[in-house]
Protein backbone atom coordinates (compact mmCIF):
# COMPACT_ATOMS: atom_id res chain seq x y z
CA MET A 1 147.02 72.84 -55.27
CA PHE A 2 147.54 75.36 -57.89
CA SER A 3 144.18 77.13 -57.10
CA ARG A 4 145.44 77.76 -53.15
CA GLY A 5 148.85 79.18 -54.64
CA PHE A 6 146.96 81.28 -57.05
CA TRP A 7 144.30 82.74 -54.40
CA THR A 8 147.46 83.20 -51.88
CA LEU A 9 149.73 85.00 -54.37
CA LEU A 10 146.48 87.21 -55.30
CA THR A 11 145.25 88.06 -51.89
CA GLY A 12 148.95 89.29 -51.00
CA ALA A 13 149.22 91.18 -54.09
CA ALA A 14 145.83 92.93 -53.02
CA LEU A 15 147.00 93.65 -49.64
CA ILE A 16 150.29 95.29 -50.53
CA TRP A 17 148.22 97.42 -53.19
CA TYR A 18 145.76 98.32 -50.76
CA SER A 19 148.52 99.25 -47.90
CA THR A 20 150.48 101.24 -50.45
CA VAL A 21 147.23 103.26 -51.88
CA THR A 22 146.46 103.90 -48.15
CA VAL A 23 149.57 105.06 -47.35
CA TYR A 24 149.82 107.84 -50.35
CA VAL A 25 146.69 108.90 -49.73
CA GLY A 26 147.15 109.13 -45.76
CA TRP A 27 150.84 111.48 -46.63
CA LYS A 28 149.16 113.53 -48.87
CA GLY A 29 146.37 114.24 -46.86
CA ILE A 30 148.56 115.29 -44.09
CA ARG A 31 150.40 117.36 -46.38
CA ASP A 32 147.16 118.80 -47.76
CA ILE A 33 145.84 119.55 -43.97
CA LYS A 34 149.27 120.71 -43.14
CA GLU A 35 149.00 123.21 -45.74
CA MET A 36 145.37 124.46 -44.95
CA LEU A 37 146.11 125.23 -41.77
CA SER A 38 148.87 127.43 -42.33
CA ARG A 39 146.85 129.34 -44.53
CA LEU A 40 144.07 129.66 -42.49
CA ARG A 41 146.64 130.66 -39.12
CA PRO A 42 146.35 134.37 -38.81
CA GLY A 43 149.76 135.92 -39.80
CA PRO A 44 151.07 139.39 -38.00
CA LYS A 45 149.27 142.41 -37.87
């Protein structure tokens, strides 16, 4: 019975970690893409 609880806890921790990393990388990626597009946009002549 202990092993089932252990694996459930480990799986939950891994899912939380993976979700956190995915959201963080996505957030940073969106910021980088917006910055890149603003630099590529032609300025006033």
